[in-house]
Amino acid sequence: EHGEASLRRCRGEVDFSHNGMSNEMLWMLLETFAQFEVQTASLKLFANRISQGGVLAICEFIRMNKRADAIQELHLSHNEIDDESALELMRTLHAERPRYPPHRVIDESGDSVG
């Protein structure tokens, strides 16, 4: 009932903010997401210890995980990300067009649909 299939159908928020997460921990998390095809709409990683290695893990996840839907929100503030790493993430997102940035459908009230 709550096995791998449940993870594949999940399309929610994953919040690992304020967890002291290192680059290595992020690599392991993203490898697990890829292995079990976890669908993540929002990935909150703010206020951790993520630096260049963690950003490279995110870039690799975005490039290699083609079967997963695009991540709608990625929160990385209050980490140790330098300008070059941020630029590499932007390059990766640009290279993955039109999948990134994901398109959102907004209803007449201004809320995101689906």
N, C-alpha and C. Protein backbone atom coordinates (compact mmCIF):
# COMPACT_ATOMS: atom_id res chain seq x y z
N GLU A 1 0.82 -1.19 0.00
CA GLU A 1 0.00 0.00 0.00
C GLU A 1 0.87 1.26 0.00
N HIS A 2 1.98 1.27 0.73
CA HIS A 2 2.81 2.47 0.83
C HIS A 2 4.21 2.23 0.30
N GLY A 3 4.34 1.49 -0.76
CA GLY A 3 5.64 1.15 -1.31
C GLY A 3 6.10 2.12 -2.37
N GLU A 4 6.89 1.60 -3.30
CA GLU A 4 7.47 2.42 -4.36
C GLU A 4 6.41 3.11 -5.21
N ALA A 5 5.31 2.43 -5.49
CA ALA A 5 4.26 3.02 -6.33
C ALA A 5 3.70 4.28 -5.69
N SER A 6 3.59 4.29 -4.38
CA SER A 6 3.09 5.49 -3.69
C SER A 6 4.03 6.67 -3.89
N LEU A 7 5.33 6.40 -3.85
CA LEU A 7 6.31 7.47 -4.06
C LEU A 7 6.21 8.02 -5.47
N ARG A 8 5.96 7.16 -6.45
CA ARG A 8 5.86 7.63 -7.84
C ARG A 8 4.65 8.52 -8.04
N ARG A 9 3.58 8.26 -7.29
CA ARG A 9 2.36 9.06 -7.43
C ARG A 9 2.41 10.34 -6.61
N CYS A 10 3.31 10.40 -5.67
CA CYS A 10 3.44 11.57 -4.81
C CYS A 10 3.86 12.77 -5.65
N ARG A 11 3.22 13.87 -5.45
CA ARG A 11 3.56 15.10 -6.18
C ARG A 11 3.44 16.25 -5.20
N GLY A 12 4.23 16.21 -4.17
CA GLY A 12 4.05 17.19 -3.12
C GLY A 12 5.30 17.95 -2.76
N GLU A 13 5.24 18.50 -1.58
CA GLU A 13 6.33 19.31 -1.05
C GLU A 13 7.26 18.43 -0.24
N VAL A 14 8.54 18.56 -0.51
CA VAL A 14 9.57 17.89 0.28
C VAL A 14 10.36 18.99 0.97
N ASP A 15 10.36 18.96 2.30
CA ASP A 15 10.97 20.04 3.07
C ASP A 15 12.09 19.50 3.96
N PHE A 16 13.32 19.77 3.55
CA PHE A 16 14.50 19.43 4.34
C PHE A 16 15.22 20.71 4.77
N SER A 17 14.48 21.80 4.92
CA SER A 17 15.08 23.06 5.34
C SER A 17 15.51 22.97 6.80
N HIS A 18 16.51 23.76 7.14
CA HIS A 18 17.02 23.84 8.53
C HIS A 18 17.42 22.46 9.08
N ASN A 19 18.08 21.65 8.25
CA ASN A 19 18.46 20.30 8.68
C ASN A 19 19.96 20.08 8.71
N GLY A 20 20.76 21.10 8.46
CA GLY A 20 22.21 20.91 8.44
C GLY A 20 22.65 20.00 7.31
N MET A 21 21.85 19.95 6.24
CA MET A 21 22.13 19.04 5.13
C MET A 21 23.40 19.43 4.40
N SER A 22 24.29 18.46 4.22
CA SER A 22 25.54 18.66 3.50
C SER A 22 25.36 18.26 2.03
N ASN A 23 26.38 18.52 1.24
CA ASN A 23 26.35 18.12 -0.17
C ASN A 23 26.16 16.62 -0.31
N GLU A 24 26.89 15.85 0.48
CA GLU A 24 26.81 14.39 0.41
C GLU A 24 25.40 13.91 0.75
N MET A 25 24.81 14.50 1.76
CA MET A 25 23.45 14.13 2.14
C MET A 25 22.47 14.44 1.02
N LEU A 26 22.66 15.57 0.34
CA LEU A 26 21.79 15.94 -0.77
C LEU A 26 21.95 14.97 -1.92
N TRP A 27 23.19 14.58 -2.24
CA TRP A 27 23.43 13.56 -3.28
C TRP A 27 22.63 12.31 -2.97
N MET A 28 22.71 11.84 -1.72
CA MET A 28 22.00 10.61 -1.33
C MET A 28 20.49 10.78 -1.45
N LEU A 29 19.97 11.92 -1.04
CA LEU A 29 18.54 12.19 -1.15
C LEU A 29 18.08 12.16 -2.60
N LEU A 30 18.81 12.87 -3.47
CA LEU A 30 18.41 12.94 -4.87
C LEU A 30 18.58 11.60 -5.58
N GLU A 31 19.59 10.82 -5.21
CA GLU A 31 19.73 9.47 -5.76
C GLU A 31 18.53 8.60 -5.38
N THR A 32 18.06 8.75 -4.16
CA THR A 32 16.88 8.01 -3.70
C THR A 32 15.65 8.45 -4.48
N PHE A 33 15.48 9.75 -4.66
CA PHE A 33 14.35 10.26 -5.45
C PHE A 33 14.38 9.67 -6.85
N ALA A 34 15.55 9.66 -7.49
CA ALA A 34 15.67 9.13 -8.84
C ALA A 34 15.38 7.63 -8.86
N GLN A 35 15.92 6.91 -7.91
CA GLN A 35 15.74 5.46 -7.86
C GLN A 35 14.27 5.08 -7.74
N PHE A 36 13.53 5.80 -6.90
CA PHE A 36 12.13 5.47 -6.67
C PHE A 36 11.17 6.37 -7.45
N GLU A 37 11.72 7.16 -8.37
CA GLU A 37 10.95 8.04 -9.25
C GLU A 37 9.98 8.92 -8.45
N VAL A 38 10.50 9.53 -7.40
CA VAL A 38 9.70 10.42 -6.56
C VAL A 38 9.40 11.69 -7.35
N GLN A 39 8.14 12.08 -7.40
CA GLN A 39 7.70 13.28 -8.08
C GLN A 39 7.61 14.41 -7.05
N THR A 40 8.41 15.42 -7.20
CA THR A 40 8.47 16.50 -6.23
C THR A 40 8.03 17.81 -6.87
N ALA A 41 6.98 18.42 -6.35
CA ALA A 41 6.54 19.71 -6.86
C ALA A 41 7.37 20.83 -6.25
N SER A 42 7.64 20.72 -4.96
CA SER A 42 8.37 21.76 -4.24
C SER A 42 9.47 21.10 -3.42
N LEU A 43 10.70 21.56 -3.61
CA LEU A 43 11.85 21.02 -2.89
C LEU A 43 12.46 22.15 -2.07
N LYS A 44 12.25 22.09 -0.76
CA LYS A 44 12.73 23.15 0.13
C LYS A 44 14.02 22.70 0.80
N LEU A 45 15.10 23.36 0.45
CA LEU A 45 16.43 23.01 0.97
C LEU A 45 17.11 24.22 1.60
N PHE A 46 16.36 25.24 1.97
CA PHE A 46 16.99 26.46 2.49
C PHE A 46 17.55 26.24 3.88
N ALA A 47 18.52 27.08 4.22
CA ALA A 47 19.17 27.07 5.53
C ALA A 47 19.84 25.74 5.84
N ASN A 48 20.70 25.30 4.93
CA ASN A 48 21.49 24.09 5.10
C ASN A 48 22.96 24.43 4.86
N ARG A 49 23.76 23.43 4.53
CA ARG A 49 25.19 23.63 4.25
C ARG A 49 25.51 23.26 2.81
N ILE A 50 24.58 23.51 1.91
CA ILE A 50 24.73 23.14 0.51
C ILE A 50 25.64 24.16 -0.18
N SER A 51 26.61 23.64 -0.92
CA SER A 51 27.53 24.49 -1.67
C SER A 51 27.64 23.93 -3.09
N GLN A 52 28.79 24.11 -3.72
CA GLN A 52 28.97 23.71 -5.12
C GLN A 52 28.61 22.25 -5.36
N GLY A 53 29.06 21.35 -4.52
CA GLY A 53 28.77 19.92 -4.71
C GLY A 53 27.28 19.62 -4.68
N GLY A 54 26.55 20.29 -3.82
CA GLY A 54 25.11 20.09 -3.76
C GLY A 54 24.40 20.64 -4.98
N VAL A 55 24.85 21.79 -5.45
CA VAL A 55 24.25 22.36 -6.66
C VAL A 55 24.51 21.44 -7.85
N LEU A 56 25.71 20.88 -7.92
CA LEU A 56 26.01 19.94 -9.01
C LEU A 56 25.12 18.70 -8.91
N ALA A 57 24.80 18.27 -7.70
CA ALA A 57 23.88 17.14 -7.52
C ALA A 57 22.49 17.50 -8.05
N ILE A 58 22.04 18.71 -7.76
CA ILE A 58 20.74 19.16 -8.26
C ILE A 58 20.75 19.21 -9.78
N CYS A 59 21.81 19.75 -10.35
CA CYS A 59 21.93 19.82 -11.81
C CYS A 59 21.89 18.43 -12.44
N GLU A 60 22.62 17.51 -11.86
CA GLU A 60 22.63 16.13 -12.35
C GLU A 60 21.24 15.50 -12.25
N PHE A 61 20.58 15.74 -11.14
CA PHE A 61 19.22 15.22 -10.95
C PHE A 61 18.29 15.77 -12.02
N ILE A 62 18.36 17.05 -12.30
CA ILE A 62 17.50 17.67 -13.31
C ILE A 62 17.80 17.10 -14.69
N ARG A 63 19.08 16.95 -15.02
CA ARG A 63 19.47 16.44 -16.34
C ARG A 63 19.10 14.97 -16.54
N MET A 64 19.32 14.15 -15.52
CA MET A 64 19.20 12.70 -15.68
C MET A 64 17.80 12.15 -15.38
N ASN A 65 17.01 12.87 -14.66
CA ASN A 65 15.73 12.36 -14.20
C ASN A 65 14.60 12.78 -15.13
N LYS A 66 14.68 12.35 -16.38
CA LYS A 66 13.73 12.79 -17.42
C LYS A 66 12.31 12.28 -17.19
N ARG A 67 12.16 11.16 -16.51
CA ARG A 67 10.83 10.59 -16.31
C ARG A 67 10.03 11.34 -15.26
N ALA A 68 10.70 12.06 -14.40
CA ALA A 68 10.00 12.82 -13.36
C ALA A 68 9.49 14.14 -13.92
N ASP A 69 8.39 14.60 -13.36
CA ASP A 69 7.90 15.93 -13.72
C ASP A 69 8.89 16.98 -13.24
N ALA A 70 8.85 18.12 -13.85
CA ALA A 70 9.74 19.21 -13.45
C ALA A 70 9.41 19.67 -12.03
N ILE A 71 10.43 20.07 -11.31
CA ILE A 71 10.25 20.64 -9.98
C ILE A 71 9.68 22.04 -10.16
N GLN A 72 8.55 22.33 -9.52
CA GLN A 72 7.91 23.63 -9.66
C GLN A 72 8.60 24.71 -8.85
N GLU A 73 9.06 24.35 -7.65
CA GLU A 73 9.71 25.31 -6.75
C GLU A 73 10.95 24.68 -6.15
N LEU A 74 12.03 25.45 -6.14
CA LEU A 74 13.29 24.99 -5.57
C LEU A 74 13.81 26.10 -4.66
N HIS A 75 13.86 25.84 -3.36
CA HIS A 75 14.25 26.84 -2.37
C HIS A 75 15.67 26.55 -1.88
N LEU A 76 16.60 27.46 -2.17
CA LEU A 76 18.01 27.24 -1.84
C LEU A 76 18.63 28.39 -1.06
N SER A 77 17.86 29.34 -0.59
CA SER A 77 18.45 30.48 0.12
C SER A 77 19.11 30.03 1.41
N HIS A 78 19.98 30.86 1.93
CA HIS A 78 20.68 30.63 3.19
C HIS A 78 21.48 29.33 3.18
N ASN A 79 22.19 29.11 2.09
CA ASN A 79 23.14 28.01 1.96
C ASN A 79 24.50 28.62 1.67
N GLU A 80 25.43 27.84 1.19
CA GLU A 80 26.79 28.30 0.91
C GLU A 80 27.07 28.26 -0.59
N ILE A 81 26.09 28.67 -1.38
CA ILE A 81 26.17 28.58 -2.83
C ILE A 81 26.84 29.82 -3.38
N ASP A 82 27.92 29.61 -4.14
CA ASP A 82 28.64 30.74 -4.72
C ASP A 82 28.03 31.11 -6.08
N ASP A 83 28.49 32.22 -6.63
CA ASP A 83 27.95 32.73 -7.89
C ASP A 83 28.13 31.73 -9.03
N GLU A 84 29.28 31.09 -9.12
CA GLU A 84 29.55 30.14 -10.20
C GLU A 84 28.60 28.95 -10.13
N SER A 85 28.31 28.48 -8.94
CA SER A 85 27.38 27.36 -8.77
C SER A 85 25.96 27.77 -9.15
N ALA A 86 25.56 28.96 -8.75
CA ALA A 86 24.24 29.47 -9.12
C ALA A 86 24.12 29.59 -10.64
N LEU A 87 25.19 30.06 -11.27
CA LEU A 87 25.20 30.18 -12.72
C LEU A 87 25.10 28.81 -13.39
N GLU A 88 25.77 27.81 -12.84
CA GLU A 88 25.69 26.44 -13.39
C GLU A 88 24.26 25.91 -13.29
N LEU A 89 23.58 26.20 -12.20
CA LEU A 89 22.18 25.78 -12.06
C LEU A 89 21.32 26.48 -13.12
N MET A 90 21.55 27.76 -13.35
CA MET A 90 20.80 28.49 -14.38
C MET A 90 21.08 27.91 -15.77
N ARG A 91 22.32 27.57 -16.04
CA ARG A 91 22.68 26.96 -17.33
C ARG A 91 21.96 25.62 -17.51
N THR A 92 21.92 24.84 -16.45
CA THR A 92 21.24 23.54 -16.52
C THR A 92 19.76 23.72 -16.79
N LEU A 93 19.13 24.63 -16.08
CA LEU A 93 17.70 24.88 -16.29
C LEU A 93 17.44 25.35 -17.72
N HIS A 94 18.31 26.22 -18.22
CA HIS A 94 18.16 26.72 -19.59
C HIS A 94 18.32 25.58 -20.60
N ALA A 95 19.27 24.69 -20.36
CA ALA A 95 19.52 23.58 -21.28
C ALA A 95 18.36 22.58 -21.29
N GLU A 96 17.56 22.58 -20.24
CA GLU A 96 16.44 21.64 -20.14
C GLU A 96 15.12 22.24 -20.65
N ARG A 97 15.21 23.35 -21.36
CA ARG A 97 14.01 23.93 -21.93
C ARG A 97 13.46 22.99 -22.99
N PRO A 98 12.19 22.83 -23.18
CA PRO A 98 11.09 23.57 -22.56
C PRO A 98 10.60 22.96 -21.24
N ARG A 99 11.23 21.90 -20.79
CA ARG A 99 10.79 21.27 -19.53
C ARG A 99 10.93 22.22 -18.35
N TYR A 100 11.99 23.00 -18.35
CA TYR A 100 12.22 24.02 -17.33
C TYR A 100 12.29 25.36 -18.03
N PRO A 101 11.68 26.41 -17.54
CA PRO A 101 10.85 26.41 -16.33
C PRO A 101 9.51 25.74 -16.62
N PRO A 102 8.96 25.04 -15.63
CA PRO A 102 7.67 24.39 -15.83
C PRO A 102 6.57 25.43 -15.96
N HIS A 103 5.58 25.09 -16.76
CA HIS A 103 4.45 26.00 -16.96
C HIS A 103 3.37 25.66 -15.96
N ARG A 104 2.83 26.68 -15.35
CA ARG A 104 1.74 26.51 -14.39
C ARG A 104 0.46 27.03 -15.00
N VAL A 105 -0.61 26.30 -14.73
CA VAL A 105 -1.94 26.76 -15.13
C VAL A 105 -2.54 27.48 -13.93
N ILE A 106 -2.97 28.71 -14.16
CA ILE A 106 -3.54 29.55 -13.11
C ILE A 106 -5.02 29.76 -13.41
N ASP A 107 -5.88 29.53 -12.40
CA ASP A 107 -7.31 29.77 -12.60
C ASP A 107 -7.62 31.25 -12.44
N GLU A 108 -8.91 31.61 -12.61
CA GLU A 108 -9.26 33.03 -12.59
C GLU A 108 -9.04 33.69 -11.24
N SER A 109 -8.97 32.91 -10.16
CA SER A 109 -8.71 33.50 -8.83
C SER A 109 -7.22 33.71 -8.58
N GLY A 110 -6.39 33.24 -9.50
CA GLY A 110 -4.95 33.41 -9.34
C GLY A 110 -4.27 32.23 -8.68
N ASP A 111 -5.02 31.16 -8.41
CA ASP A 111 -4.45 29.97 -7.79
C ASP A 111 -3.91 29.01 -8.84
N SER A 112 -2.86 28.30 -8.48
CA SER A 112 -2.28 27.30 -9.35
C SER A 112 -3.21 26.09 -9.42
N VAL A 113 -3.40 25.56 -10.63
CA VAL A 113 -4.28 24.41 -10.84
C VAL A 113 -3.43 23.22 -11.23
N GLY A 114 -3.73 22.06 -10.62
CA GLY A 114 -3.07 20.81 -10.99
C GLY A 114 -1.75 20.74 -10.45
